[in-house]
Amino acid sequence: MILAASGFPGWRTFLLIIGATVTARFAAMAFNRVVDAKYDAANPRTTERHLPSGRMSMFTAWLIVATGSILFMTISMWINRLAGILSPVALLVIFGYSFTKRFTHFSHFFLGAALGLAPLGAWVAVQNSLANFAPWLLAVAVVCWVAGFDMIYALQDEKFDHTHGLYSMVVALGPKKTLVFVRLLHATMLGILVVLGFIIELRWSYFAGLLVVFASLCWEHWLMRQLKQGNLEKAFLQANALASFGYLGATILGTMIK
């Protein structure tokens, strides 16, 4: 949003983007829980989630999916015509991810694609167009980033996935080779973000802000030297949250501060 607007796009656009993001994620997370209810009930790590624990009925979960979807498409239409037209496509992609673990080891990249729609959607909201190369480049960076940290997340379910016939890179490659692959993906992500800064001609402060992203990812991979649950949670949650806010800071520094 900030890159597309070269700053702040105004409160209306900002709040509509936030609304679209929240409702899309609301619907997608609920749909994922519905589709994976059988596996969540069998996996000791997820038995306390709302559906397998009985704290939520399947009807309520479907109602959340429907409500989130309708709100997302409505908000998208308020943004502009192109956003409204593309909103069902976005839902199709983010819902489709939930099925990919059943037939491909590349399911992580489908999740990356689902989240990679976010910068594309924000660009449409601000510029009502996807003709520019920049948002596509940012989307590819998001795909690499998300696919990488989702592979780290999948490490904790390696045995369960093997037993229940689910697919992941951890199942295909094993933990050590998967972590090497994740490093390559995150290095690619950082390279793309650097190239993006030059293409958009951002200020030197953007590149300085990228150092926070770089340090966060280095910390993430340092933590994963030992495959412990505590390290995995820090790497997946804390390191990536820091990288996320680091990149937000980098874009603000690179576009809004003179």
Protein backbone atom coordinates (compact mmCIF):
# COMPACT_ATOMS: atom_id res chain seq x y z
CA MET A 1 0.00 0.00 0.00
CA ILE A 2 2.76 2.41 1.00
CA LEU A 3 4.86 1.55 -2.04
CA ALA A 4 1.89 1.93 -4.41
CA ALA A 5 0.95 5.30 -2.93
CA SER A 6 4.53 6.49 -2.36
CA GLY A 7 3.34 7.26 1.15
CA PHE A 8 0.00 7.19 2.95
CA PRO A 9 -2.97 6.71 0.58
CA GLY A 10 -5.60 8.32 2.80
CA TRP A 11 -7.76 6.97 5.59
CA ARG A 12 -10.54 5.58 3.38
CA THR A 13 -8.21 3.42 1.31
CA PHE A 14 -6.20 2.42 4.36
CA LEU A 15 -9.23 1.28 6.38
CA LEU A 16 -10.76 -0.58 3.43
CA ILE A 17 -7.48 -2.45 2.86
CA ILE A 18 -7.36 -3.39 6.56
CA GLY A 19 -10.99 -4.54 6.38
CA ALA A 20 -10.37 -6.65 3.29
CA THR A 21 -7.26 -8.20 4.84
CA VAL A 22 -8.97 -9.08 8.12
CA THR A 23 -12.13 -10.54 6.56
CA ALA A 24 -10.19 -12.56 3.96
CA ARG A 25 -8.00 -14.07 6.66
CA PHE A 26 -11.05 -14.61 8.88
CA ALA A 27 -12.72 -16.66 6.13
CA ALA A 28 -9.55 -18.49 5.09
CA MET A 29 -8.60 -19.60 8.61
CA ALA A 30 -12.13 -20.85 9.32
CA PHE A 31 -12.23 -22.72 6.00
CA ASN A 32 -8.88 -24.32 6.77
CA ARG A 33 -10.17 -25.50 10.16
CA VAL A 34 -13.29 -26.98 8.54
CA VAL A 35 -11.36 -28.83 5.83
CA ASP A 36 -8.70 -30.11 8.27
CA ALA A 37 -11.09 -30.97 11.12
CA LYS A 38 -10.46 -34.72 10.75
CA TYR A 39 -6.68 -34.30 10.86
CA ASP A 40 -6.81 -31.75 13.70
CA ALA A 41 -8.77 -34.24 15.78
CA ALA A 42 -6.12 -36.93 15.21
CA ASN A 43 -3.06 -34.73 15.74
CA PRO A 44 -2.10 -34.32 19.44
CA ARG A 45 -0.76 -30.82 18.66
CA THR A 46 -4.15 -29.58 17.38
CA THR A 47 -6.78 -31.45 19.39
CA GLU A 48 -7.55 -28.35 21.46
CA ARG A 49 -8.60 -26.28 18.44
CA HIS A 50 -12.23 -25.17 18.42
CA LEU A 51 -13.73 -27.84 16.17
CA PRO A 52 -12.00 -31.02 17.45
CA SER A 53 -12.42 -29.92 21.08
CA GLY A 54 -16.16 -29.36 20.55
CA ARG A 55 -16.04 -25.68 21.52
CA MET A 56 -17.43 -24.77 18.10
CA SER A 57 -19.94 -26.56 15.90
CA MET A 58 -19.35 -27.24 12.22
CA PHE A 59 -22.38 -25.07 11.41
CA THR A 60 -20.83 -22.11 13.23
CA ALA A 61 -17.53 -22.63 11.43
CA TRP A 62 -19.25 -22.62 8.02
CA LEU A 63 -21.20 -19.51 9.08
CA ILE A 64 -17.88 -17.77 9.83
CA VAL A 65 -16.56 -18.78 6.40
CA ALA A 66 -19.65 -17.42 4.67
CA THR A 67 -19.72 -14.20 6.72
CA GLY A 68 -16.03 -13.50 6.16
CA SER A 69 -16.34 -14.19 2.42
CA ILE A 70 -19.36 -11.93 1.94
CA LEU A 71 -17.76 -9.11 3.94
CA PHE A 72 -14.50 -9.46 1.99
CA MET A 73 -16.21 -9.26 -1.40
CA THR A 74 -18.40 -6.37 -0.25
CA ILE A 75 -15.42 -4.37 1.02
CA SER A 76 -13.52 -5.16 -2.19
CA MET A 77 -16.37 -3.70 -4.25
CA TRP A 78 -16.25 -0.55 -2.09
CA ILE A 79 -12.53 -0.23 -2.84
CA ASN A 80 -12.88 -0.14 -6.63
CA ARG A 81 -14.34 -2.12 -9.53
CA LEU A 82 -11.19 -4.13 -10.26
CA ALA A 83 -10.83 -5.18 -6.63
CA GLY A 84 -14.46 -6.30 -6.61
CA ILE A 85 -14.03 -8.34 -9.80
CA LEU A 86 -10.89 -10.05 -8.49
CA SER A 87 -12.19 -10.78 -4.98
CA PRO A 88 -13.76 -14.19 -5.83
CA VAL A 89 -10.48 -15.21 -7.47
CA ALA A 90 -8.63 -14.30 -4.28
CA LEU A 91 -11.03 -16.43 -2.22
CA LEU A 92 -10.61 -19.34 -4.62
CA VAL A 93 -6.82 -19.23 -4.16
CA ILE A 94 -6.82 -18.89 -0.37
CA PHE A 95 -9.44 -21.62 0.05
CA GLY A 96 -7.70 -23.89 -2.45
CA TYR A 97 -4.52 -23.96 -0.38
CA SER A 98 -6.26 -26.02 2.32
CA PHE A 99 -6.50 -29.03 -0.02
CA THR A 100 -2.93 -29.02 -1.33
CA LYS A 101 -1.38 -30.99 1.55
CA ARG A 102 -3.33 -33.98 0.25
CA PHE A 103 -1.59 -34.22 -3.12
CA THR A 104 1.64 -32.19 -3.38
CA HIS A 105 4.83 -31.59 -1.41
CA PHE A 106 4.73 -28.02 -2.75
CA SER A 107 1.75 -27.08 -0.59
CA HIS A 108 3.93 -24.46 1.14
CA PHE A 109 4.16 -22.53 -2.12
CA PHE A 110 0.38 -22.51 -2.46
CA LEU A 111 0.20 -20.91 0.99
CA GLY A 112 2.85 -18.46 -0.17
CA ALA A 113 0.74 -17.65 -3.22
CA ALA A 114 -2.32 -17.08 -1.02
CA LEU A 115 -0.43 -14.54 1.09
CA GLY A 116 1.34 -13.20 -1.98
CA LEU A 117 -2.04 -11.90 -3.13
CA ALA A 118 -1.87 -9.31 -0.33
CA PRO A 119 0.61 -6.92 -1.99
CA LEU A 120 -1.22 -7.36 -5.31
CA GLY A 121 -4.54 -6.54 -3.64
CA ALA A 122 -3.09 -3.48 -1.92
CA TRP A 123 -1.68 -2.25 -5.23
CA VAL A 124 -5.08 -2.67 -6.88
CA ALA A 125 -6.70 -0.78 -4.01
CA VAL A 126 -4.36 2.19 -4.41
CA GLN A 127 -3.73 2.30 -8.17
CA ASN A 128 -6.71 0.34 -9.58
CA SER A 129 -4.25 -1.52 -11.81
CA LEU A 130 -1.71 -4.35 -11.86
CA ALA A 131 0.21 -3.08 -14.89
CA ASN A 132 3.27 -2.17 -12.79
CA PHE A 133 6.01 -4.79 -12.37
CA ALA A 134 6.74 -3.87 -8.74
CA PRO A 135 3.78 -5.55 -6.95
CA TRP A 136 4.41 -8.81 -8.82
CA LEU A 137 8.01 -8.75 -7.67
CA LEU A 138 6.90 -8.14 -4.09
CA ALA A 139 4.38 -10.99 -4.39
CA VAL A 140 7.16 -13.40 -5.44
CA ALA A 141 9.21 -12.27 -2.43
CA VAL A 142 6.24 -13.04 -0.17
CA VAL A 143 5.85 -16.49 -1.76
CA CYS A 144 9.50 -17.31 -1.01
CA TRP A 145 9.28 -15.96 2.53
CA VAL A 146 6.02 -17.69 3.46
CA ALA A 147 6.89 -21.02 1.82
CA GLY A 148 10.14 -20.99 3.78
CA PHE A 149 8.70 -20.35 7.22
CA ASP A 150 5.79 -22.74 6.55
CA MET A 151 8.36 -25.49 5.95
CA ILE A 152 9.82 -24.66 9.35
CA TYR A 153 6.32 -24.90 10.85
CA ALA A 154 5.82 -28.29 9.14
CA LEU A 155 8.83 -29.76 10.95
CA GLN A 156 6.73 -30.36 14.05
CA ASP A 157 4.26 -32.52 12.09
CA GLU A 158 6.76 -34.67 10.18
CA LYS A 159 5.78 -37.97 11.84
CA PHE A 160 2.07 -37.22 11.76
CA ASP A 161 2.16 -36.30 8.06
CA HIS A 162 4.09 -39.48 7.24
CA THR A 163 1.56 -41.62 9.11
CA HIS A 164 -1.55 -39.97 7.62
CA GLY A 165 -0.37 -39.65 4.03
CA LEU A 166 -0.07 -35.84 4.02
CA TYR A 167 2.47 -34.08 1.85
CA SER A 168 5.14 -31.53 2.75
CA MET A 169 8.75 -30.73 1.90
CA VAL A 170 9.74 -32.14 5.28
CA VAL A 171 8.19 -35.48 4.30
CA ALA A 172 9.89 -35.37 0.90
CA LEU A 173 13.36 -34.13 1.91
CA GLY A 174 13.72 -34.68 5.64
CA PRO A 175 14.44 -31.92 8.20
CA LYS A 176 18.07 -31.10 7.32
CA LYS A 177 17.60 -30.76 3.55
CA THR A 178 14.37 -28.83 4.13
CA LEU A 179 16.21 -26.26 6.24
CA VAL A 180 18.82 -25.84 3.49
CA PHE A 181 15.97 -25.23 1.04
CA VAL A 182 14.44 -22.67 3.41
CA ARG A 183 17.73 -20.77 3.55
CA LEU A 184 17.79 -20.60 -0.24
CA LEU A 185 14.21 -19.33 -0.33
CA HIS A 186 14.86 -16.63 2.25
CA ALA A 187 18.05 -15.55 0.50
CA THR A 188 16.02 -15.24 -2.71
CA MET A 189 13.41 -13.19 -0.86
CA LEU A 190 16.04 -10.74 0.41
CA GLY A 191 17.56 -10.47 -3.06
CA ILE A 192 14.17 -9.63 -4.55
CA LEU A 193 13.50 -6.97 -1.91
CA VAL A 194 16.85 -5.33 -2.72
CA VAL A 195 16.09 -5.37 -6.46
CA LEU A 196 12.62 -3.95 -5.76
CA GLY A 197 14.18 -1.02 -3.94
CA PHE A 198 16.29 -0.16 -6.96
CA ILE A 199 13.39 -0.56 -9.42
CA ILE A 200 11.11 1.77 -7.45
CA GLU A 201 14.10 4.04 -6.72
CA LEU A 202 13.60 4.06 -2.97
CA ARG A 203 15.87 6.06 -0.68
CA TRP A 204 18.96 4.61 1.00
CA SER A 205 16.96 4.36 4.23
CA TYR A 206 14.90 1.53 2.68
CA PHE A 207 18.04 -0.56 2.25
CA ALA A 208 19.14 0.29 5.78
CA GLY A 209 15.74 -0.96 7.01
CA LEU A 210 16.27 -4.23 5.17
CA LEU A 211 19.09 -4.97 7.61
CA VAL A 212 16.40 -5.65 10.25
CA VAL A 213 14.78 -8.19 7.93
CA PHE A 214 18.18 -9.77 7.26
CA ALA A 215 19.02 -9.94 10.98
CA SER A 216 15.60 -11.46 11.79
CA LEU A 217 16.01 -14.22 9.21
CA CYS A 218 19.57 -14.90 10.40
CA TRP A 219 18.20 -15.29 13.94
CA GLU A 220 15.48 -17.61 12.64
CA HIS A 221 17.98 -19.91 10.97
CA TRP A 222 20.37 -19.74 13.90
CA LEU A 223 17.55 -20.95 16.16
CA MET A 224 16.82 -23.84 13.80
CA ARG A 225 20.30 -25.30 14.25
CA GLN A 226 18.70 -27.33 17.02
CA LEU A 227 15.28 -28.82 16.29
CA LYS A 228 13.68 -28.07 19.64
CA GLN A 229 10.04 -27.08 20.11
CA GLY A 230 10.94 -23.86 21.91
CA ASN A 231 13.37 -22.88 19.16
CA LEU A 232 10.82 -23.70 16.46
CA GLU A 233 8.17 -21.49 18.06
CA LYS A 234 10.60 -18.58 18.37
CA ALA A 235 11.79 -19.04 14.78
CA PHE A 236 8.29 -19.34 13.31
CA LEU A 237 6.51 -16.68 15.36
CA GLN A 238 8.95 -14.15 16.81
CA ALA A 239 11.61 -14.00 14.11
CA ASN A 240 9.10 -13.69 11.29
CA ALA A 241 7.04 -11.11 13.16
CA LEU A 242 10.22 -9.07 13.60
CA ALA A 243 11.04 -9.46 9.89
CA SER A 244 7.51 -8.35 8.99
CA PHE A 245 7.64 -5.17 11.07
CA GLY A 246 11.20 -4.62 9.88
CA TYR A 247 10.04 -4.56 6.28
CA LEU A 248 7.15 -2.25 7.12
CA GLY A 249 9.67 0.07 8.73
CA ALA A 250 11.94 -0.16 5.70
CA THR A 251 9.14 0.86 3.32
CA ILE A 252 8.14 3.78 5.54
CA LEU A 253 11.75 4.94 5.75
CA GLY A 254 12.26 4.51 2.02
CA THR A 255 9.12 6.30 0.84
CA MET A 256 7.76 8.66 3.46
CA ILE A 257 10.76 10.15 5.27
CA LYS A 258 12.62 12.86 3.41
